[in-house]
Amino acid sequence: MTTEKGSPPPISPSIIVLTLARRVETELGAALAPLDLTVTRLGLLGHIAAVPGVSFSDLARMSGTAVQSVHSAVKALVAAGLVRDSNARAGSASTIELTPEGRRLLAAAEQAIGDVDDLLFGSSADPIQRQLAAAIRAAFAP
């Protein structure tokens, strides 16, 4: 693609990141499917693991979702045996936490994430993607 003057269009970091993000989401979705997980469910499990006893309101804020959506999603996670609400009583604050099965599933998902990271950003990946991964790791290192 070229501009009217015959020169290539300007490089857009937004478009490049969006394109790569879609590829990452596709690969991650495929890796999580055998675990019966979606990227969204994985995110909720990760938030719950990181903040034991988290409330529905906090989960909604962390995931950028409405509280009602979080209630529905957590209800499904409870039904699947992945999380429990140790204060599931009307009128009391919820404290949501992973069950042992939820912790097992999260560990399996972490392995799947590692496999996707290796595929897209590891030693055999495109050199530009490896550079991008190194920059991201450096930017978010503690």
N, C-alpha and C. Protein backbone atom coordinates (compact mmCIF):
# COMPACT_ATOMS: atom_id res chain seq x y z
N MET A 1 0.85 -1.18 0.00
CA MET A 1 0.00 0.00 0.00
C MET A 1 0.89 1.24 0.00
N THR A 2 0.54 2.19 -0.84
CA THR A 2 1.30 3.43 -0.91
C THR A 2 0.34 4.61 -0.86
N THR A 3 0.90 5.77 -0.56
CA THR A 3 0.10 6.99 -0.56
C THR A 3 0.00 7.51 -1.99
N GLU A 4 -0.74 8.58 -2.19
CA GLU A 4 -0.90 9.14 -3.54
C GLU A 4 0.44 9.53 -4.15
N LYS A 5 1.40 9.94 -3.35
CA LYS A 5 2.70 10.38 -3.86
C LYS A 5 3.63 9.20 -4.13
N GLY A 6 3.15 7.95 -3.89
CA GLY A 6 3.97 6.79 -4.14
C GLY A 6 4.85 6.37 -2.98
N SER A 7 4.79 7.05 -1.87
CA SER A 7 5.58 6.66 -0.71
C SER A 7 4.75 5.75 0.19
N PRO A 8 5.41 4.90 0.96
CA PRO A 8 4.65 4.01 1.84
C PRO A 8 3.91 4.82 2.92
N PRO A 9 2.79 4.29 3.41
CA PRO A 9 2.06 5.01 4.45
C PRO A 9 2.88 5.05 5.74
N PRO A 10 2.58 6.00 6.60
CA PRO A 10 3.33 6.06 7.86
C PRO A 10 3.05 4.81 8.70
N ILE A 11 4.05 4.42 9.46
CA ILE A 11 3.89 3.27 10.35
C ILE A 11 3.04 3.71 11.54
N SER A 12 1.99 2.93 11.80
CA SER A 12 1.09 3.25 12.91
C SER A 12 1.31 2.24 14.04
N PRO A 13 1.88 2.68 15.17
CA PRO A 13 2.03 1.75 16.30
C PRO A 13 0.68 1.19 16.74
N SER A 14 -0.37 1.99 16.67
CA SER A 14 -1.70 1.52 17.07
C SER A 14 -2.14 0.33 16.24
N ILE A 15 -1.97 0.42 14.93
CA ILE A 15 -2.40 -0.66 14.05
C ILE A 15 -1.51 -1.89 14.24
N ILE A 16 -0.23 -1.68 14.41
CA ILE A 16 0.69 -2.81 14.62
C ILE A 16 0.34 -3.53 15.92
N VAL A 17 0.15 -2.79 17.00
CA VAL A 17 -0.18 -3.40 18.29
C VAL A 17 -1.53 -4.11 18.22
N LEU A 18 -2.51 -3.49 17.59
CA LEU A 18 -3.82 -4.10 17.45
C LEU A 18 -3.75 -5.41 16.66
N THR A 19 -3.00 -5.40 15.58
CA THR A 19 -2.85 -6.61 14.77
C THR A 19 -2.18 -7.72 15.57
N LEU A 20 -1.11 -7.39 16.27
CA LEU A 20 -0.42 -8.38 17.08
C LEU A 20 -1.32 -8.86 18.23
N ALA A 21 -2.08 -7.95 18.83
CA ALA A 21 -2.97 -8.33 19.93
C ALA A 21 -4.02 -9.33 19.45
N ARG A 22 -4.52 -9.12 18.27
CA ARG A 22 -5.52 -10.07 17.73
C ARG A 22 -4.89 -11.44 17.51
N ARG A 23 -3.66 -11.45 17.06
CA ARG A 23 -2.98 -12.75 16.86
C ARG A 23 -2.74 -13.43 18.20
N VAL A 24 -2.31 -12.65 19.19
CA VAL A 24 -2.09 -13.21 20.52
C VAL A 24 -3.40 -13.77 21.08
N GLU A 25 -4.48 -13.00 20.95
CA GLU A 25 -5.77 -13.46 21.47
C GLU A 25 -6.24 -14.73 20.77
N THR A 26 -6.03 -14.81 19.46
CA THR A 26 -6.41 -16.02 18.72
C THR A 26 -5.61 -17.23 19.19
N GLU A 27 -4.29 -17.07 19.29
CA GLU A 27 -3.44 -18.19 19.73
C GLU A 27 -3.75 -18.58 21.18
N LEU A 28 -3.95 -17.59 22.03
CA LEU A 28 -4.26 -17.87 23.43
C LEU A 28 -5.62 -18.55 23.56
N GLY A 29 -6.60 -18.08 22.79
CA GLY A 29 -7.91 -18.72 22.81
C GLY A 29 -7.84 -20.18 22.41
N ALA A 30 -7.05 -20.46 21.39
CA ALA A 30 -6.89 -21.85 20.93
C ALA A 30 -6.18 -22.70 21.98
N ALA A 31 -5.20 -22.12 22.67
CA ALA A 31 -4.46 -22.87 23.70
C ALA A 31 -5.31 -23.11 24.94
N LEU A 32 -6.23 -22.19 25.24
CA LEU A 32 -7.07 -22.32 26.42
C LEU A 32 -8.31 -23.19 26.18
N ALA A 33 -8.72 -23.34 24.93
CA ALA A 33 -9.93 -24.09 24.61
C ALA A 33 -9.95 -25.51 25.19
N PRO A 34 -8.85 -26.27 25.10
CA PRO A 34 -8.87 -27.62 25.68
C PRO A 34 -9.08 -27.62 27.20
N LEU A 35 -8.80 -26.48 27.83
CA LEU A 35 -9.00 -26.36 29.28
C LEU A 35 -10.40 -25.85 29.60
N ASP A 36 -11.22 -25.65 28.57
CA ASP A 36 -12.57 -25.08 28.71
C ASP A 36 -12.51 -23.70 29.33
N LEU A 37 -11.50 -22.93 28.92
CA LEU A 37 -11.32 -21.56 29.40
C LEU A 37 -11.36 -20.59 28.22
N THR A 38 -11.82 -19.39 28.50
CA THR A 38 -11.72 -18.29 27.55
C THR A 38 -10.74 -17.28 28.16
N VAL A 39 -10.33 -16.32 27.37
CA VAL A 39 -9.44 -15.28 27.88
C VAL A 39 -10.13 -14.53 29.02
N THR A 40 -11.43 -14.28 28.88
CA THR A 40 -12.17 -13.57 29.92
C THR A 40 -12.23 -14.37 31.22
N ARG A 41 -12.56 -15.67 31.13
CA ARG A 41 -12.60 -16.51 32.33
C ARG A 41 -11.22 -16.61 32.98
N LEU A 42 -10.18 -16.70 32.14
CA LEU A 42 -8.82 -16.73 32.66
C LEU A 42 -8.52 -15.45 33.42
N GLY A 43 -8.92 -14.32 32.87
CA GLY A 43 -8.70 -13.05 33.55
C GLY A 43 -9.36 -13.01 34.92
N LEU A 44 -10.60 -13.47 35.00
CA LEU A 44 -11.29 -13.50 36.29
C LEU A 44 -10.59 -14.42 37.27
N LEU A 45 -10.20 -15.61 36.82
CA LEU A 45 -9.48 -16.53 37.71
C LEU A 45 -8.18 -15.90 38.18
N GLY A 46 -7.48 -15.23 37.29
CA GLY A 46 -6.23 -14.58 37.67
C GLY A 46 -6.43 -13.48 38.70
N HIS A 47 -7.47 -12.67 38.52
CA HIS A 47 -7.78 -11.62 39.50
C HIS A 47 -8.14 -12.22 40.85
N ILE A 48 -8.94 -13.28 40.83
CA ILE A 48 -9.36 -13.92 42.08
C ILE A 48 -8.16 -14.53 42.79
N ALA A 49 -7.25 -15.13 42.02
CA ALA A 49 -6.04 -15.71 42.62
C ALA A 49 -5.14 -14.64 43.21
N ALA A 50 -5.06 -13.50 42.53
CA ALA A 50 -4.16 -12.43 42.98
C ALA A 50 -4.69 -11.71 44.21
N VAL A 51 -6.02 -11.70 44.37
CA VAL A 51 -6.64 -10.97 45.49
C VAL A 51 -7.63 -11.90 46.18
N PRO A 52 -7.15 -12.83 47.00
CA PRO A 52 -8.07 -13.74 47.70
C PRO A 52 -9.09 -12.94 48.51
N GLY A 53 -10.35 -13.37 48.46
CA GLY A 53 -11.40 -12.68 49.18
C GLY A 53 -11.91 -11.46 48.45
N VAL A 54 -11.57 -11.31 47.18
CA VAL A 54 -11.98 -10.15 46.39
C VAL A 54 -13.51 -10.07 46.33
N SER A 55 -14.02 -8.85 46.26
CA SER A 55 -15.46 -8.65 46.17
C SER A 55 -15.89 -8.57 44.70
N PHE A 56 -17.20 -8.68 44.48
CA PHE A 56 -17.73 -8.54 43.12
C PHE A 56 -17.42 -7.15 42.56
N SER A 57 -17.56 -6.14 43.39
CA SER A 57 -17.28 -4.77 42.94
C SER A 57 -15.83 -4.61 42.53
N ASP A 58 -14.92 -5.15 43.34
CA ASP A 58 -13.50 -5.06 43.00
C ASP A 58 -13.19 -5.82 41.71
N LEU A 59 -13.79 -7.01 41.56
CA LEU A 59 -13.58 -7.78 40.32
C LEU A 59 -14.08 -6.99 39.11
N ALA A 60 -15.22 -6.34 39.25
CA ALA A 60 -15.75 -5.54 38.15
C ALA A 60 -14.79 -4.41 37.79
N ARG A 61 -14.26 -3.73 38.79
CA ARG A 61 -13.31 -2.64 38.53
C ARG A 61 -12.04 -3.18 37.87
N MET A 62 -11.50 -4.29 38.38
CA MET A 62 -10.26 -4.84 37.83
C MET A 62 -10.42 -5.32 36.39
N SER A 63 -11.60 -5.85 36.08
CA SER A 63 -11.80 -6.40 34.74
C SER A 63 -12.47 -5.43 33.77
N GLY A 64 -12.84 -4.26 34.27
CA GLY A 64 -13.49 -3.27 33.41
C GLY A 64 -14.85 -3.72 32.93
N THR A 65 -15.58 -4.42 33.80
CA THR A 65 -16.87 -5.00 33.46
C THR A 65 -17.91 -4.53 34.47
N ALA A 66 -19.16 -4.63 34.09
CA ALA A 66 -20.25 -4.29 35.00
C ALA A 66 -20.36 -5.34 36.11
N VAL A 67 -20.77 -4.91 37.27
CA VAL A 67 -20.93 -5.82 38.41
C VAL A 67 -21.87 -6.96 38.06
N GLN A 68 -22.95 -6.67 37.33
CA GLN A 68 -23.90 -7.72 36.96
C GLN A 68 -23.23 -8.79 36.10
N SER A 69 -22.36 -8.37 35.19
CA SER A 69 -21.64 -9.34 34.35
C SER A 69 -20.71 -10.20 35.19
N VAL A 70 -20.06 -9.59 36.17
CA VAL A 70 -19.16 -10.34 37.05
C VAL A 70 -19.96 -11.35 37.87
N HIS A 71 -21.13 -10.95 38.36
CA HIS A 71 -21.98 -11.89 39.11
C HIS A 71 -22.29 -13.13 38.27
N SER A 72 -22.67 -12.91 37.01
CA SER A 72 -22.99 -14.03 36.12
C SER A 72 -21.78 -14.91 35.87
N ALA A 73 -20.64 -14.27 35.61
CA ALA A 73 -19.42 -15.03 35.32
C ALA A 73 -18.97 -15.82 36.54
N VAL A 74 -19.02 -15.20 37.71
CA VAL A 74 -18.59 -15.90 38.93
C VAL A 74 -19.56 -17.04 39.25
N LYS A 75 -20.83 -16.83 39.00
CA LYS A 75 -21.82 -17.90 39.22
C LYS A 75 -21.45 -19.12 38.37
N ALA A 76 -21.05 -18.89 37.12
CA ALA A 76 -20.62 -19.99 36.24
C ALA A 76 -19.34 -20.64 36.77
N LEU A 77 -18.41 -19.83 37.28
CA LEU A 77 -17.17 -20.39 37.85
C LEU A 77 -17.46 -21.21 39.10
N VAL A 78 -18.41 -20.77 39.91
CA VAL A 78 -18.83 -21.53 41.10
C VAL A 78 -19.44 -22.86 40.66
N ALA A 79 -20.34 -22.80 39.67
CA ALA A 79 -20.99 -24.02 39.18
C ALA A 79 -19.97 -25.01 38.62
N ALA A 80 -18.88 -24.50 38.06
CA ALA A 80 -17.82 -25.36 37.51
C ALA A 80 -16.87 -25.86 38.59
N GLY A 81 -17.05 -25.37 39.83
CA GLY A 81 -16.19 -25.81 40.93
C GLY A 81 -14.84 -25.14 40.96
N LEU A 82 -14.70 -23.99 40.28
CA LEU A 82 -13.41 -23.32 40.19
C LEU A 82 -13.21 -22.25 41.25
N VAL A 83 -14.30 -21.66 41.73
CA VAL A 83 -14.23 -20.66 42.78
C VAL A 83 -15.34 -20.92 43.79
N ARG A 84 -15.19 -20.30 44.96
CA ARG A 84 -16.25 -20.36 45.98
C ARG A 84 -16.37 -18.98 46.60
N ASP A 85 -17.56 -18.75 47.11
CA ASP A 85 -17.84 -17.51 47.84
C ASP A 85 -18.09 -17.92 49.27
N SER A 86 -17.10 -17.66 50.11
CA SER A 86 -17.20 -18.14 51.49
C SER A 86 -18.20 -17.36 52.33
N ASN A 87 -18.73 -16.27 51.80
CA ASN A 87 -19.76 -15.50 52.51
C ASN A 87 -21.02 -15.37 51.67
N ALA A 88 -21.40 -16.40 50.98
CA ALA A 88 -22.54 -16.33 50.06
C ALA A 88 -23.85 -16.27 50.84
N ARG A 89 -24.10 -15.13 51.47
CA ARG A 89 -25.35 -14.91 52.21
C ARG A 89 -25.91 -13.57 51.79
N ALA A 90 -27.21 -13.52 51.67
CA ALA A 90 -27.86 -12.25 51.32
C ALA A 90 -27.53 -11.21 52.38
N GLY A 91 -27.16 -10.03 51.92
CA GLY A 91 -26.87 -8.93 52.83
C GLY A 91 -25.44 -8.88 53.35
N SER A 92 -24.61 -9.87 53.02
CA SER A 92 -23.22 -9.82 53.48
C SER A 92 -22.29 -9.71 52.28
N ALA A 93 -21.15 -9.11 52.52
CA ALA A 93 -20.17 -8.95 51.44
C ALA A 93 -19.62 -10.31 51.04
N SER A 94 -19.42 -10.49 49.76
CA SER A 94 -18.86 -11.74 49.25
C SER A 94 -17.35 -11.73 49.40
N THR A 95 -16.80 -12.90 49.58
CA THR A 95 -15.34 -13.08 49.55
C THR A 95 -15.07 -14.27 48.64
N ILE A 96 -14.67 -13.96 47.43
CA ILE A 96 -14.52 -14.96 46.38
C ILE A 96 -13.08 -15.45 46.38
N GLU A 97 -12.90 -16.77 46.27
CA GLU A 97 -11.56 -17.35 46.23
C GLU A 97 -11.55 -18.59 45.35
N LEU A 98 -10.35 -18.94 44.88
CA LEU A 98 -10.21 -20.14 44.07
C LEU A 98 -10.36 -21.40 44.91
N THR A 99 -10.91 -22.44 44.30
CA THR A 99 -10.93 -23.77 44.91
C THR A 99 -9.63 -24.47 44.49
N PRO A 100 -9.34 -25.62 45.07
CA PRO A 100 -8.17 -26.38 44.59
C PRO A 100 -8.25 -26.68 43.09
N GLU A 101 -9.44 -26.98 42.58
CA GLU A 101 -9.59 -27.23 41.14
C GLU A 101 -9.32 -25.95 40.35
N GLY A 102 -9.75 -24.82 40.87
CA GLY A 102 -9.48 -23.55 40.22
C GLY A 102 -7.99 -23.25 40.16
N ARG A 103 -7.28 -23.56 41.26
CA ARG A 103 -5.82 -23.37 41.27
C ARG A 103 -5.14 -24.30 40.27
N ARG A 104 -5.62 -25.55 40.18
CA ARG A 104 -5.06 -26.51 39.22
C ARG A 104 -5.27 -26.01 37.79
N LEU A 105 -6.48 -25.54 37.51
CA LEU A 105 -6.78 -25.06 36.18
C LEU A 105 -5.96 -23.81 35.84
N LEU A 106 -5.80 -22.92 36.79
CA LEU A 106 -5.00 -21.72 36.57
C LEU A 106 -3.55 -22.09 36.28
N ALA A 107 -3.02 -23.08 36.98
CA ALA A 107 -1.64 -23.53 36.71
C ALA A 107 -1.53 -24.11 35.29
N ALA A 108 -2.53 -24.87 34.87
CA ALA A 108 -2.52 -25.41 33.51
C ALA A 108 -2.62 -24.28 32.49
N ALA A 109 -3.41 -23.26 32.79
CA ALA A 109 -3.54 -22.11 31.90
C ALA A 109 -2.22 -21.34 31.82
N GLU A 110 -1.51 -21.23 32.93
CA GLU A 110 -0.22 -20.56 32.92
C GLU A 110 0.76 -21.28 32.00
N GLN A 111 0.68 -22.61 31.97
CA GLN A 111 1.52 -23.39 31.06
C GLN A 111 1.14 -23.08 29.61
N ALA A 112 -0.16 -23.00 29.34
CA ALA A 112 -0.63 -22.68 27.99
C ALA A 112 -0.17 -21.28 27.58
N ILE A 113 -0.22 -20.34 28.51
CA ILE A 113 0.25 -18.98 28.23
C ILE A 113 1.74 -19.01 27.90
N GLY A 114 2.50 -19.78 28.66
CA GLY A 114 3.94 -19.91 28.38
C GLY A 114 4.20 -20.48 27.00
N ASP A 115 3.38 -21.45 26.59
CA ASP A 115 3.53 -22.02 25.25
C ASP A 115 3.25 -20.98 24.17
N VAL A 116 2.21 -20.17 24.37
CA VAL A 116 1.88 -19.12 23.41
C VAL A 116 2.99 -18.06 23.40
N ASP A 117 3.47 -17.68 24.59
CA ASP A 117 4.57 -16.72 24.65
C ASP A 117 5.78 -17.24 23.88
N ASP A 118 6.09 -18.51 24.04
CA ASP A 118 7.23 -19.09 23.34
C ASP A 118 7.00 -19.10 21.84
N LEU A 119 5.79 -19.45 21.41
CA LEU A 119 5.48 -19.49 19.99
C LEU A 119 5.60 -18.10 19.35
N LEU A 120 5.04 -17.10 20.01
CA LEU A 120 4.97 -15.77 19.41
C LEU A 120 6.17 -14.89 19.71
N PHE A 121 6.85 -15.15 20.84
CA PHE A 121 7.91 -14.25 21.28
C PHE A 121 9.21 -14.94 21.66
N GLY A 122 9.26 -16.27 21.54
CA GLY A 122 10.44 -17.03 21.94
C GLY A 122 11.55 -17.01 20.91
N SER A 123 12.53 -17.83 21.14
CA SER A 123 13.75 -17.81 20.33
C SER A 123 13.52 -18.11 18.85
N SER A 124 12.45 -18.81 18.50
CA SER A 124 12.16 -19.11 17.09
C SER A 124 11.19 -18.12 16.46
N ALA A 125 10.73 -17.15 17.23
CA ALA A 125 9.74 -16.19 16.74
C ALA A 125 10.40 -15.12 15.87
N ASP A 126 9.59 -14.36 15.21
CA ASP A 126 10.05 -13.23 14.41
C ASP A 126 10.92 -12.32 15.28
N PRO A 127 12.07 -11.88 14.77
CA PRO A 127 12.97 -11.03 15.58
C PRO A 127 12.31 -9.75 16.10
N ILE A 128 11.43 -9.16 15.31
CA ILE A 128 10.76 -7.94 15.77
C ILE A 128 9.84 -8.26 16.96
N GLN A 129 9.15 -9.38 16.89
CA GLN A 129 8.28 -9.77 18.01
C GLN A 129 9.11 -10.09 19.26
N ARG A 130 10.29 -10.66 19.07
CA ARG A 130 11.18 -10.90 20.22
C ARG A 130 11.62 -9.58 20.84
N GLN A 131 11.94 -8.60 20.00
CA GLN A 131 12.32 -7.27 20.51
C GLN A 131 11.16 -6.62 21.26
N LEU A 132 9.98 -6.74 20.71
CA LEU A 132 8.80 -6.18 21.37
C LEU A 132 8.58 -6.83 22.73
N ALA A 133 8.72 -8.15 22.80
CA ALA A 133 8.56 -8.85 24.08
C ALA A 133 9.60 -8.38 25.09
N ALA A 134 10.83 -8.21 24.65
CA ALA A 134 11.88 -7.73 25.55
C ALA A 134 11.56 -6.33 26.06
N ALA A 135 11.05 -5.48 25.19
CA ALA A 135 10.69 -4.11 25.60
C ALA A 135 9.53 -4.14 26.60
N ILE A 136 8.56 -4.99 26.37
CA ILE A 136 7.42 -5.10 27.29
C ILE A 136 7.89 -5.61 28.65
N ARG A 137 8.71 -6.65 28.64
CA ARG A 137 9.21 -7.18 29.91
C ARG A 137 10.00 -6.12 30.66
N ALA A 138 10.84 -5.37 29.96
CA ALA A 138 11.64 -4.32 30.60
C ALA A 138 10.75 -3.21 31.16
N ALA A 139 9.73 -2.85 30.42
CA ALA A 139 8.85 -1.77 30.84
C ALA A 139 8.05 -2.13 32.08
N PHE A 140 7.72 -3.41 32.24
CA PHE A 140 6.87 -3.83 33.36
C PHE A 140 7.62 -4.61 34.43
N ALA A 141 8.94 -4.67 34.33
CA ALA A 141 9.73 -5.37 35.36
C ALA A 141 9.63 -4.62 36.69
N PRO A 142 9.57 -5.38 37.78
CA PRO A 142 9.48 -4.71 39.10
C PRO A 142 10.74 -3.93 39.44
